[in-house]
Amino acid sequence: MSISFPGESPEYRTARDRLLQQEVELRRATEAVAAARRELPLGGIVPQDYVFQQAGPGGTPTKVKLSELFVPGKDTLVIYNFMFPRALDDEGPCPHCTSMLDALDGAAQHITQRVNFAVVAKAELSRILAHAQARGWRGLRLLSSVGTPYNRDYFGEDAQGAQMPMLNVFRREGEAIRHFWGSELLECRLRSEVQFGCAGTKREIPHL
């Protein structure tokens, strides 16, 4: 069954119906990929209980282990790597990451009803918190990875120390924490490009 908007030509409707069929096929393929993702076996056990820094009472930096990011009743942990610093020659935060985190800050209360969620950056905690205050973030759990190899181990950082946008999912079974999924598609695409930076530098991250 096809619909028709006011004033459209037969040529437009033919082309739009053809595109609609492609959109239907894309939706089916996306749902199939999502189902296959859910059926992934668990990945490797994390090599160590990484220790991050987070804001304690009064904003005082306190240590928190990866295992402590899991709250009772939630066995899934999602960690997003925020590119801060955004490039080897720029200590500022990534504007693309910041834009996305603006949206996730509002969605965090809904996300954390089902999974544990945290944002990690390589910058000092005080700089992360200052940026969060400037953006008005209130719902994100923000962590600094200073002093821990987490970013390097889970591809939030390349061999030269440049920060990478990466999303990782971990699952906890008893005392064991395993990696489940990472955003490798983006990682592979970025690594296939020339050395990259963030918007505003000489090297651009490709638009998705």
N, C-alpha and C. Protein backbone atom coordinates (compact mmCIF):
# COMPACT_ATOMS: atom_id res chain seq x y z
N MET A 1 0.85 -1.20 0.00
CA MET A 1 0.00 0.00 0.00
C MET A 1 0.88 1.24 0.00
N SER A 2 0.64 2.14 -0.95
CA SER A 2 1.45 3.35 -1.08
C SER A 2 0.61 4.57 -0.68
N ILE A 3 1.27 5.57 -0.16
CA ILE A 3 0.59 6.82 0.16
C ILE A 3 1.06 7.87 -0.83
N SER A 4 0.40 9.01 -0.81
CA SER A 4 0.76 10.09 -1.73
C SER A 4 0.56 11.42 -1.02
N PHE A 5 1.62 12.24 -1.01
CA PHE A 5 1.54 13.56 -0.41
C PHE A 5 1.04 14.57 -1.43
N PRO A 6 0.44 15.67 -1.00
CA PRO A 6 -0.11 16.66 -1.94
C PRO A 6 0.95 17.17 -2.92
N GLY A 7 0.57 17.21 -4.18
CA GLY A 7 1.39 17.83 -5.20
C GLY A 7 2.55 17.01 -5.73
N GLU A 8 2.76 15.79 -5.23
CA GLU A 8 3.91 15.03 -5.70
C GLU A 8 3.63 14.42 -7.07
N SER A 9 4.67 14.24 -7.85
CA SER A 9 4.55 13.69 -9.20
C SER A 9 4.62 12.16 -9.16
N PRO A 10 4.13 11.51 -10.23
CA PRO A 10 4.26 10.05 -10.31
C PRO A 10 5.72 9.60 -10.26
N GLU A 11 6.60 10.40 -10.87
CA GLU A 11 8.03 10.06 -10.86
C GLU A 11 8.57 10.06 -9.43
N TYR A 12 8.14 11.08 -8.65
CA TYR A 12 8.59 11.15 -7.26
C TYR A 12 8.09 9.93 -6.49
N ARG A 13 6.79 9.58 -6.66
CA ARG A 13 6.23 8.47 -5.89
C ARG A 13 6.91 7.15 -6.24
N THR A 14 7.22 6.96 -7.51
CA THR A 14 7.91 5.73 -7.92
C THR A 14 9.28 5.64 -7.27
N ALA A 15 10.01 6.76 -7.31
CA ALA A 15 11.34 6.78 -6.70
C ALA A 15 11.26 6.61 -5.19
N ARG A 16 10.25 7.26 -4.57
CA ARG A 16 10.12 7.17 -3.11
C ARG A 16 9.73 5.77 -2.68
N ASP A 17 8.87 5.10 -3.42
CA ASP A 17 8.49 3.73 -3.08
C ASP A 17 9.69 2.79 -3.22
N ARG A 18 10.51 3.04 -4.22
CA ARG A 18 11.72 2.23 -4.40
C ARG A 18 12.67 2.43 -3.21
N LEU A 19 12.82 3.68 -2.78
CA LEU A 19 13.66 3.96 -1.62
C LEU A 19 13.06 3.37 -0.36
N LEU A 20 11.73 3.42 -0.24
CA LEU A 20 11.06 2.86 0.93
C LEU A 20 11.36 1.37 1.07
N GLN A 21 11.37 0.67 -0.04
CA GLN A 21 11.67 -0.75 0.01
C GLN A 21 13.11 -0.99 0.51
N GLN A 22 14.02 -0.12 0.06
CA GLN A 22 15.39 -0.23 0.55
C GLN A 22 15.47 0.05 2.04
N GLU A 23 14.65 1.00 2.51
CA GLU A 23 14.63 1.32 3.95
C GLU A 23 14.09 0.14 4.75
N VAL A 24 13.09 -0.55 4.22
CA VAL A 24 12.55 -1.73 4.87
C VAL A 24 13.62 -2.81 4.97
N GLU A 25 14.34 -3.02 3.89
CA GLU A 25 15.40 -4.03 3.88
C GLU A 25 16.52 -3.66 4.85
N LEU A 26 16.83 -2.37 4.93
CA LEU A 26 17.85 -1.93 5.88
C LEU A 26 17.39 -2.18 7.31
N ARG A 27 16.13 -1.89 7.60
CA ARG A 27 15.60 -2.13 8.94
C ARG A 27 15.70 -3.61 9.31
N ARG A 28 15.34 -4.47 8.37
CA ARG A 28 15.42 -5.91 8.63
C ARG A 28 16.86 -6.34 8.87
N ALA A 29 17.79 -5.80 8.08
CA ALA A 29 19.20 -6.14 8.25
C ALA A 29 19.72 -5.64 9.59
N THR A 30 19.30 -4.43 9.99
CA THR A 30 19.71 -3.87 11.27
C THR A 30 19.20 -4.72 12.43
N GLU A 31 17.95 -5.18 12.33
CA GLU A 31 17.39 -6.02 13.37
C GLU A 31 18.11 -7.37 13.43
N ALA A 32 18.51 -7.90 12.27
CA ALA A 32 19.24 -9.17 12.24
C ALA A 32 20.62 -9.02 12.88
N VAL A 33 21.29 -7.89 12.61
CA VAL A 33 22.59 -7.64 13.22
C VAL A 33 22.46 -7.49 14.73
N ALA A 34 21.41 -6.79 15.17
CA ALA A 34 21.19 -6.62 16.60
C ALA A 34 20.96 -7.97 17.28
N ALA A 35 20.22 -8.84 16.62
CA ALA A 35 19.97 -10.17 17.18
C ALA A 35 21.27 -10.97 17.26
N ALA A 36 22.09 -10.89 16.22
CA ALA A 36 23.38 -11.60 16.22
C ALA A 36 24.30 -11.05 17.30
N ARG A 37 24.24 -9.73 17.52
CA ARG A 37 25.06 -9.12 18.57
C ARG A 37 24.67 -9.67 19.95
N ARG A 38 23.37 -9.78 20.18
CA ARG A 38 22.91 -10.28 21.47
C ARG A 38 23.34 -11.72 21.72
N GLU A 39 23.56 -12.47 20.64
CA GLU A 39 23.94 -13.88 20.76
C GLU A 39 25.45 -14.09 20.82
N LEU A 40 26.24 -13.03 20.83
CA LEU A 40 27.69 -13.18 20.93
C LEU A 40 28.06 -13.95 22.20
N PRO A 41 29.05 -14.85 22.10
CA PRO A 41 29.57 -15.44 23.33
C PRO A 41 30.37 -14.38 24.08
N LEU A 42 30.58 -14.61 25.36
CA LEU A 42 31.37 -13.66 26.12
C LEU A 42 32.81 -13.64 25.64
N GLY A 43 33.43 -12.45 25.70
CA GLY A 43 34.82 -12.31 25.29
C GLY A 43 35.77 -12.62 26.44
N GLY A 44 36.97 -12.03 26.34
CA GLY A 44 38.01 -12.33 27.31
C GLY A 44 37.77 -11.70 28.67
N ILE A 45 38.32 -12.34 29.71
CA ILE A 45 38.29 -11.79 31.05
C ILE A 45 39.18 -10.55 31.09
N VAL A 46 38.72 -9.49 31.74
CA VAL A 46 39.53 -8.27 31.81
C VAL A 46 40.84 -8.58 32.53
N PRO A 47 41.96 -8.06 32.04
CA PRO A 47 43.27 -8.43 32.60
C PRO A 47 43.54 -7.89 33.99
N GLN A 48 42.83 -6.86 34.40
CA GLN A 48 43.01 -6.32 35.75
C GLN A 48 41.78 -5.53 36.15
N ASP A 49 41.66 -5.30 37.44
CA ASP A 49 40.55 -4.50 37.95
C ASP A 49 40.98 -3.03 37.91
N TYR A 50 40.81 -2.41 36.75
CA TYR A 50 41.30 -1.06 36.50
C TYR A 50 40.82 -0.08 37.58
N VAL A 51 41.69 0.81 37.96
CA VAL A 51 41.37 1.81 38.98
C VAL A 51 41.28 3.19 38.32
N PHE A 52 40.12 3.80 38.40
CA PHE A 52 39.86 5.11 37.83
C PHE A 52 39.75 6.14 38.96
N GLN A 53 39.61 7.39 38.57
CA GLN A 53 39.31 8.46 39.52
C GLN A 53 37.92 9.01 39.21
N GLN A 54 37.15 9.27 40.25
CA GLN A 54 35.85 9.90 40.09
C GLN A 54 35.69 10.95 41.19
N ALA A 55 34.67 11.76 41.05
CA ALA A 55 34.43 12.81 42.04
C ALA A 55 33.79 12.21 43.28
N GLY A 56 34.41 12.46 44.42
CA GLY A 56 33.85 12.04 45.70
C GLY A 56 33.09 13.19 46.33
N PRO A 57 32.85 13.12 47.62
CA PRO A 57 32.16 14.21 48.32
C PRO A 57 32.89 15.54 48.15
N GLY A 58 32.14 16.56 47.75
CA GLY A 58 32.75 17.87 47.55
C GLY A 58 33.63 17.96 46.32
N GLY A 59 33.53 16.95 45.45
CA GLY A 59 34.34 16.96 44.24
C GLY A 59 35.74 16.44 44.43
N THR A 60 36.07 15.96 45.62
CA THR A 60 37.39 15.42 45.89
C THR A 60 37.63 14.14 45.08
N PRO A 61 38.76 14.01 44.37
CA PRO A 61 39.03 12.80 43.60
C PRO A 61 39.10 11.57 44.50
N THR A 62 38.39 10.53 44.13
CA THR A 62 38.44 9.27 44.85
C THR A 62 38.65 8.14 43.85
N LYS A 63 39.23 7.05 44.30
CA LYS A 63 39.50 5.91 43.42
C LYS A 63 38.26 5.01 43.35
N VAL A 64 38.04 4.47 42.17
CA VAL A 64 36.96 3.52 41.97
C VAL A 64 37.45 2.45 41.01
N LYS A 65 37.25 1.19 41.37
CA LYS A 65 37.66 0.08 40.53
C LYS A 65 36.60 -0.25 39.48
N LEU A 66 37.05 -0.88 38.41
CA LEU A 66 36.11 -1.31 37.36
C LEU A 66 35.01 -2.16 37.97
N SER A 67 35.37 -3.06 38.84
CA SER A 67 34.38 -3.95 39.46
C SER A 67 33.35 -3.18 40.27
N GLU A 68 33.72 -2.01 40.78
CA GLU A 68 32.81 -1.22 41.60
C GLU A 68 31.84 -0.39 40.76
N LEU A 69 32.01 -0.42 39.44
CA LEU A 69 31.08 0.29 38.56
C LEU A 69 29.81 -0.53 38.32
N PHE A 70 29.84 -1.80 38.74
CA PHE A 70 28.65 -2.65 38.65
C PHE A 70 27.85 -2.50 39.94
N VAL A 71 26.59 -2.16 39.81
CA VAL A 71 25.74 -2.08 40.99
C VAL A 71 24.93 -3.37 41.08
N PRO A 72 24.48 -3.76 42.27
CA PRO A 72 23.71 -5.00 42.42
C PRO A 72 22.49 -5.02 41.50
N GLY A 73 22.30 -6.16 40.84
CA GLY A 73 21.14 -6.33 39.97
C GLY A 73 21.38 -5.94 38.52
N LYS A 74 22.56 -5.38 38.22
CA LYS A 74 22.88 -5.00 36.84
C LYS A 74 24.23 -5.59 36.47
N ASP A 75 24.22 -6.56 35.56
CA ASP A 75 25.45 -7.27 35.23
C ASP A 75 26.10 -6.77 33.94
N THR A 76 25.60 -5.68 33.39
CA THR A 76 26.17 -5.11 32.16
C THR A 76 26.70 -3.71 32.45
N LEU A 77 27.90 -3.45 31.93
CA LEU A 77 28.55 -2.14 32.09
C LEU A 77 28.94 -1.61 30.72
N VAL A 78 28.51 -0.40 30.41
CA VAL A 78 28.84 0.27 29.15
C VAL A 78 29.77 1.44 29.47
N ILE A 79 30.93 1.47 28.81
CA ILE A 79 31.90 2.56 29.03
C ILE A 79 32.19 3.23 27.70
N TYR A 80 32.02 4.53 27.66
CA TYR A 80 32.34 5.32 26.47
C TYR A 80 33.65 6.08 26.70
N ASN A 81 34.56 5.97 25.74
CA ASN A 81 35.81 6.72 25.79
C ASN A 81 35.63 8.09 25.16
N PHE A 82 35.74 9.11 25.99
CA PHE A 82 35.61 10.51 25.61
C PHE A 82 37.00 11.02 25.22
N MET A 83 37.13 11.56 24.01
CA MET A 83 38.43 12.04 23.53
C MET A 83 38.77 13.38 24.18
N PHE A 84 39.38 13.29 25.31
CA PHE A 84 39.79 14.47 26.08
C PHE A 84 41.09 14.10 26.76
N PRO A 85 42.24 14.51 26.17
CA PRO A 85 42.43 15.49 25.11
C PRO A 85 42.03 14.94 23.73
N ARG A 86 41.67 15.88 22.86
CA ARG A 86 41.15 15.46 21.56
C ARG A 86 42.23 15.16 20.54
N ALA A 87 43.45 15.57 20.77
CA ALA A 87 44.55 15.28 19.84
C ALA A 87 45.86 15.42 20.58
N LEU A 88 46.91 14.86 19.99
CA LEU A 88 48.22 14.93 20.63
C LEU A 88 48.71 16.38 20.76
N ASP A 89 48.25 17.22 19.84
CA ASP A 89 48.69 18.62 19.87
C ASP A 89 47.59 19.57 20.33
N ASP A 90 46.54 19.02 20.97
CA ASP A 90 45.43 19.84 21.45
C ASP A 90 44.86 19.21 22.71
N GLU A 91 44.98 19.88 23.83
CA GLU A 91 44.55 19.34 25.11
C GLU A 91 43.06 19.54 25.37
N GLY A 92 42.36 20.21 24.46
CA GLY A 92 40.94 20.47 24.67
C GLY A 92 40.08 19.24 24.46
N PRO A 93 38.82 19.30 24.87
CA PRO A 93 37.89 18.18 24.68
C PRO A 93 37.38 18.11 23.24
N CYS A 94 37.08 16.92 22.79
CA CYS A 94 36.55 16.72 21.45
C CYS A 94 35.14 17.30 21.33
N PRO A 95 34.88 18.17 20.36
CA PRO A 95 33.54 18.74 20.21
C PRO A 95 32.50 17.71 19.76
N HIS A 96 32.91 16.72 18.96
CA HIS A 96 31.97 15.68 18.54
C HIS A 96 31.52 14.86 19.75
N CYS A 97 32.49 14.43 20.55
CA CYS A 97 32.17 13.67 21.77
C CYS A 97 31.29 14.52 22.69
N THR A 98 31.64 15.79 22.83
CA THR A 98 30.89 16.68 23.72
C THR A 98 29.44 16.79 23.27
N SER A 99 29.22 16.91 21.97
CA SER A 99 27.86 17.01 21.45
C SER A 99 27.06 15.74 21.77
N MET A 100 27.68 14.60 21.58
CA MET A 100 27.00 13.35 21.87
C MET A 100 26.71 13.20 23.37
N LEU A 101 27.69 13.60 24.19
CA LEU A 101 27.51 13.49 25.63
C LEU A 101 26.46 14.48 26.15
N ASP A 102 26.28 15.60 25.47
CA ASP A 102 25.19 16.51 25.81
C ASP A 102 23.85 15.74 25.78
N ALA A 103 23.69 14.92 24.74
CA ALA A 103 22.44 14.15 24.61
C ALA A 103 22.40 13.01 25.61
N LEU A 104 23.52 12.32 25.79
CA LEU A 104 23.54 11.19 26.71
C LEU A 104 23.35 11.61 28.16
N ASP A 105 23.72 12.85 28.48
CA ASP A 105 23.52 13.33 29.84
C ASP A 105 22.03 13.30 30.19
N GLY A 106 21.19 13.71 29.25
CA GLY A 106 19.76 13.69 29.49
C GLY A 106 19.19 12.28 29.48
N ALA A 107 19.81 11.39 28.68
CA ALA A 107 19.30 10.02 28.56
C ALA A 107 19.85 9.10 29.64
N ALA A 108 20.86 9.55 30.39
CA ALA A 108 21.55 8.67 31.34
C ALA A 108 20.60 8.06 32.36
N GLN A 109 19.63 8.84 32.83
CA GLN A 109 18.71 8.32 33.84
C GLN A 109 17.88 7.16 33.31
N HIS A 110 17.66 7.12 32.01
CA HIS A 110 16.92 6.03 31.39
C HIS A 110 17.86 4.85 31.10
N ILE A 111 19.05 5.15 30.60
CA ILE A 111 20.04 4.10 30.31
C ILE A 111 20.35 3.30 31.56
N THR A 112 20.57 4.00 32.68
CA THR A 112 21.00 3.33 33.91
C THR A 112 19.87 2.59 34.62
N GLN A 113 18.67 2.63 34.09
CA GLN A 113 17.62 1.77 34.63
C GLN A 113 17.87 0.31 34.25
N ARG A 114 18.66 0.11 33.17
CA ARG A 114 18.89 -1.26 32.68
C ARG A 114 20.35 -1.68 32.75
N VAL A 115 21.28 -0.76 32.56
CA VAL A 115 22.70 -1.10 32.57
C VAL A 115 23.48 -0.05 33.36
N ASN A 116 24.69 -0.41 33.73
CA ASN A 116 25.61 0.55 34.31
C ASN A 116 26.28 1.31 33.18
N PHE A 117 26.48 2.60 33.36
CA PHE A 117 27.02 3.43 32.28
C PHE A 117 28.02 4.43 32.85
N ALA A 118 29.17 4.55 32.19
CA ALA A 118 30.20 5.50 32.62
C ALA A 118 30.91 6.07 31.41
N VAL A 119 31.48 7.24 31.60
CA VAL A 119 32.27 7.92 30.57
C VAL A 119 33.68 8.09 31.11
N VAL A 120 34.67 7.67 30.34
CA VAL A 120 36.06 7.76 30.79
C VAL A 120 36.87 8.62 29.83
N ALA A 121 37.75 9.44 30.38
CA ALA A 121 38.64 10.28 29.58
C ALA A 121 40.04 10.26 30.19
N LYS A 122 41.04 10.55 29.37
CA LYS A 122 42.43 10.50 29.82
C LYS A 122 42.83 11.78 30.56
N ALA A 123 42.05 12.83 30.43
CA ALA A 123 42.39 14.11 31.08
C ALA A 123 42.32 13.97 32.60
N GLU A 124 42.95 14.92 33.28
CA GLU A 124 42.86 14.97 34.73
C GLU A 124 41.39 15.15 35.14
N LEU A 125 41.03 14.56 36.26
CA LEU A 125 39.63 14.61 36.70
C LEU A 125 39.13 16.05 36.86
N SER A 126 39.97 16.92 37.37
CA SER A 126 39.54 18.31 37.57
C SER A 126 39.14 18.97 36.26
N ARG A 127 39.84 18.65 35.18
CA ARG A 127 39.51 19.23 33.87
C ARG A 127 38.23 18.63 33.33
N ILE A 128 38.03 17.34 33.54
CA ILE A 128 36.80 16.68 33.10
C ILE A 128 35.60 17.30 33.82
N LEU A 129 35.72 17.47 35.12
CA LEU A 129 34.61 18.02 35.91
C LEU A 129 34.33 19.48 35.56
N ALA A 130 35.39 20.24 35.27
CA ALA A 130 35.19 21.63 34.87
C ALA A 130 34.44 21.72 33.55
N HIS A 131 34.80 20.82 32.62
CA HIS A 131 34.10 20.80 31.33
C HIS A 131 32.65 20.39 31.52
N ALA A 132 32.42 19.40 32.38
CA ALA A 132 31.06 18.94 32.65
C ALA A 132 30.22 20.06 33.24
N GLN A 133 30.80 20.83 34.14
CA GLN A 133 30.06 21.94 34.75
C GLN A 133 29.72 22.99 33.71
N ALA A 134 30.67 23.27 32.81
CA ALA A 134 30.43 24.26 31.77
C ALA A 134 29.31 23.81 30.81
N ARG A 135 29.20 22.50 30.60
CA ARG A 135 28.17 21.97 29.70
C ARG A 135 26.84 21.74 30.42
N GLY A 136 26.86 21.77 31.74
CA GLY A 136 25.63 21.53 32.48
C GLY A 136 25.30 20.06 32.65
N TRP A 137 26.32 19.19 32.54
CA TRP A 137 26.07 17.76 32.70
C TRP A 137 25.79 17.43 34.16
N ARG A 138 24.76 16.66 34.38
CA ARG A 138 24.38 16.27 35.74
C ARG A 138 24.16 14.76 35.87
N GLY A 139 23.93 14.08 34.77
CA GLY A 139 23.56 12.67 34.85
C GLY A 139 24.64 11.67 34.52
N LEU A 140 25.81 12.13 34.06
CA LEU A 140 26.85 11.22 33.62
C LEU A 140 27.80 10.85 34.75
N ARG A 141 28.19 9.58 34.79
CA ARG A 141 29.25 9.16 35.71
C ARG A 141 30.58 9.34 34.98
N LEU A 142 31.36 10.30 35.43
CA LEU A 142 32.58 10.70 34.73
C LEU A 142 33.81 10.17 35.45
N LEU A 143 34.71 9.57 34.68
CA LEU A 143 35.91 8.95 35.24
C LEU A 143 37.15 9.45 34.51
N SER A 144 38.26 9.53 35.25
CA SER A 144 39.56 9.81 34.64
C SER A 144 40.37 8.51 34.64
N SER A 145 41.00 8.23 33.51
CA SER A 145 41.81 7.02 33.39
C SER A 145 43.29 7.30 33.57
N VAL A 146 43.63 8.46 34.11
CA VAL A 146 45.03 8.78 34.37
C VAL A 146 45.64 7.70 35.26
N GLY A 147 46.77 7.15 34.83
CA GLY A 147 47.47 6.16 35.64
C GLY A 147 47.02 4.74 35.43
N THR A 148 46.05 4.50 34.53
CA THR A 148 45.60 3.14 34.26
C THR A 148 45.71 2.85 32.77
N PRO A 149 46.03 1.61 32.39
CA PRO A 149 46.16 1.26 30.96
C PRO A 149 44.83 0.92 30.29
N TYR A 150 43.71 1.23 30.95
CA TYR A 150 42.42 0.84 30.38
C TYR A 150 42.25 1.33 28.95
N ASN A 151 42.52 2.61 28.70
CA ASN A 151 42.31 3.17 27.36
C ASN A 151 43.11 2.42 26.32
N ARG A 152 44.36 2.12 26.63
CA ARG A 152 45.21 1.41 25.67
C ARG A 152 44.71 -0.02 25.47
N ASP A 153 44.35 -0.69 26.56
CA ASP A 153 43.92 -2.09 26.45
C ASP A 153 42.64 -2.26 25.67
N TYR A 154 41.74 -1.28 25.78
CA TYR A 154 40.42 -1.42 25.14
C TYR A 154 40.20 -0.39 24.02
N PHE A 155 41.31 -0.02 23.38
CA PHE A 155 41.31 0.74 22.13
C PHE A 155 40.64 2.10 22.21
N GLY A 156 40.75 2.73 23.39
CA GLY A 156 40.38 4.13 23.52
C GLY A 156 41.59 5.02 23.33
N GLU A 157 42.70 4.41 22.93
CA GLU A 157 43.96 5.14 22.74
C GLU A 157 44.81 4.36 21.75
N ASP A 158 45.47 5.05 20.81
CA ASP A 158 46.31 4.34 19.86
C ASP A 158 47.75 4.24 20.37
N ALA A 159 48.62 3.65 19.57
CA ALA A 159 49.99 3.39 20.00
C ALA A 159 50.77 4.66 20.27
N GLN A 160 50.37 5.77 19.65
CA GLN A 160 51.05 7.05 19.85
C GLN A 160 50.49 7.83 21.04
N GLY A 161 49.42 7.31 21.64
CA GLY A 161 48.81 7.99 22.78
C GLY A 161 47.64 8.88 22.42
N ALA A 162 47.27 8.92 21.14
CA ALA A 162 46.11 9.72 20.73
C ALA A 162 44.84 9.02 21.20
N GLN A 163 43.89 9.80 21.69
CA GLN A 163 42.64 9.24 22.20
C GLN A 163 41.69 8.90 21.06
N MET A 164 40.92 7.81 21.24
CA MET A 164 40.02 7.30 20.22
C MET A 164 38.59 7.25 20.77
N PRO A 165 37.58 7.50 19.94
CA PRO A 165 36.20 7.32 20.39
C PRO A 165 35.87 5.83 20.39
N MET A 166 35.54 5.29 21.53
CA MET A 166 35.31 3.84 21.63
C MET A 166 34.23 3.56 22.65
N LEU A 167 33.37 2.63 22.33
CA LEU A 167 32.33 2.19 23.25
C LEU A 167 32.56 0.70 23.52
N ASN A 168 32.68 0.35 24.80
CA ASN A 168 32.89 -1.04 25.19
C ASN A 168 31.80 -1.48 26.14
N VAL A 169 31.41 -2.75 26.01
CA VAL A 169 30.41 -3.34 26.88
C VAL A 169 31.04 -4.52 27.61
N PHE A 170 30.83 -4.56 28.92
CA PHE A 170 31.37 -5.63 29.76
C PHE A 170 30.22 -6.33 30.46
N ARG A 171 30.42 -7.64 30.73
CA ARG A 171 29.43 -8.42 31.47
C ARG A 171 30.09 -9.04 32.69
N ARG A 172 29.34 -9.09 33.76
CA ARG A 172 29.84 -9.69 34.99
C ARG A 172 29.08 -10.98 35.28
N GLU A 173 29.84 -12.05 35.54
CA GLU A 173 29.26 -13.32 35.94
C GLU A 173 29.97 -13.77 37.20
N GLY A 174 29.31 -13.64 38.32
CA GLY A 174 29.96 -13.92 39.59
C GLY A 174 31.08 -12.93 39.83
N GLU A 175 32.28 -13.43 40.05
CA GLU A 175 33.43 -12.55 40.26
C GLU A 175 34.16 -12.21 38.97
N ALA A 176 33.79 -12.88 37.88
CA ALA A 176 34.49 -12.67 36.60
C ALA A 176 33.83 -11.55 35.81
N ILE A 177 34.66 -10.66 35.27
CA ILE A 177 34.20 -9.59 34.38
C ILE A 177 34.80 -9.85 33.01
N ARG A 178 33.96 -9.93 32.02
CA ARG A 178 34.41 -10.22 30.66
C ARG A 178 34.00 -9.11 29.70
N HIS A 179 34.81 -8.93 28.68
CA HIS A 179 34.44 -8.03 27.59
C HIS A 179 33.38 -8.71 26.75
N PHE A 180 32.39 -7.95 26.30
CA PHE A 180 31.31 -8.52 25.50
C PHE A 180 31.27 -7.95 24.08
N TRP A 181 31.41 -6.62 23.95
CA TRP A 181 31.29 -6.00 22.63
C TRP A 181 32.04 -4.68 22.64
N GLY A 182 32.64 -4.32 21.49
CA GLY A 182 33.27 -3.02 21.31
C GLY A 182 32.92 -2.46 19.95
N SER A 183 32.95 -1.14 19.82
CA SER A 183 32.56 -0.49 18.56
C SER A 183 33.70 -0.56 17.56
N GLU A 184 34.03 -1.77 17.15
CA GLU A 184 35.19 -2.01 16.27
C GLU A 184 34.99 -1.48 14.87
N LEU A 185 33.75 -1.36 14.42
CA LEU A 185 33.51 -0.85 13.07
C LEU A 185 34.08 0.56 12.93
N LEU A 186 33.79 1.41 13.91
CA LEU A 186 34.32 2.77 13.90
C LEU A 186 35.83 2.74 14.04
N GLU A 187 36.31 1.88 14.94
CA GLU A 187 37.75 1.77 15.17
C GLU A 187 38.49 1.40 13.89
N CYS A 188 37.98 0.39 13.17
CA CYS A 188 38.63 -0.05 11.94
C CYS A 188 38.59 1.04 10.88
N ARG A 189 37.49 1.76 10.80
CA ARG A 189 37.38 2.83 9.80
C ARG A 189 38.37 3.93 10.09
N LEU A 190 38.48 4.31 11.36
CA LEU A 190 39.42 5.37 11.71
C LEU A 190 40.85 4.95 11.45
N ARG A 191 41.18 3.71 11.78
CA ARG A 191 42.54 3.25 11.59
C ARG A 191 42.89 3.06 10.13
N SER A 192 41.87 2.93 9.27
CA SER A 192 42.12 2.79 7.84
C SER A 192 42.41 4.14 7.19
N GLU A 193 42.07 5.22 7.91
CA GLU A 193 42.35 6.55 7.41
C GLU A 193 43.78 6.94 7.76
N VAL A 194 44.23 8.08 7.28
CA VAL A 194 45.52 8.61 7.71
C VAL A 194 45.39 9.00 9.17
N GLN A 195 46.50 9.30 9.83
CA GLN A 195 46.47 9.72 11.22
C GLN A 195 45.43 10.82 11.37
N PHE A 196 44.58 10.68 12.36
CA PHE A 196 43.44 11.57 12.46
C PHE A 196 43.48 12.36 13.75
N GLY A 197 42.70 13.41 13.75
CA GLY A 197 42.49 14.19 14.96
C GLY A 197 41.02 14.50 15.06
N CYS A 198 40.66 15.52 15.80
CA CYS A 198 39.26 15.86 15.96
C CYS A 198 38.97 17.14 15.17
N ALA A 199 37.71 17.49 15.04
CA ALA A 199 37.35 18.68 14.28
C ALA A 199 38.09 19.89 14.83
N GLY A 200 38.64 20.67 13.94
CA GLY A 200 39.37 21.85 14.37
C GLY A 200 40.87 21.66 14.28
N THR A 201 41.31 20.40 14.05
CA THR A 201 42.73 20.14 13.85
C THR A 201 42.95 19.89 12.37
N LYS A 202 44.17 19.56 12.01
CA LYS A 202 44.49 19.36 10.61
C LYS A 202 43.90 18.06 10.05
N ARG A 203 43.58 17.13 10.96
CA ARG A 203 43.10 15.82 10.51
C ARG A 203 41.71 15.61 11.06
N GLU A 204 40.78 15.28 10.20
CA GLU A 204 39.38 15.20 10.60
C GLU A 204 38.95 13.76 10.81
N ILE A 205 38.09 13.51 11.78
CA ILE A 205 37.42 12.23 11.90
C ILE A 205 36.34 12.19 10.82
N PRO A 206 36.27 11.10 10.06
CA PRO A 206 35.26 11.03 9.00
C PRO A 206 33.86 11.03 9.59
N HIS A 207 32.92 11.65 8.89
CA HIS A 207 31.53 11.65 9.34
C HIS A 207 30.93 10.29 9.11
N LEU A 208 30.12 9.84 10.06
CA LEU A 208 29.49 8.53 9.94
C LEU A 208 28.14 8.66 9.25
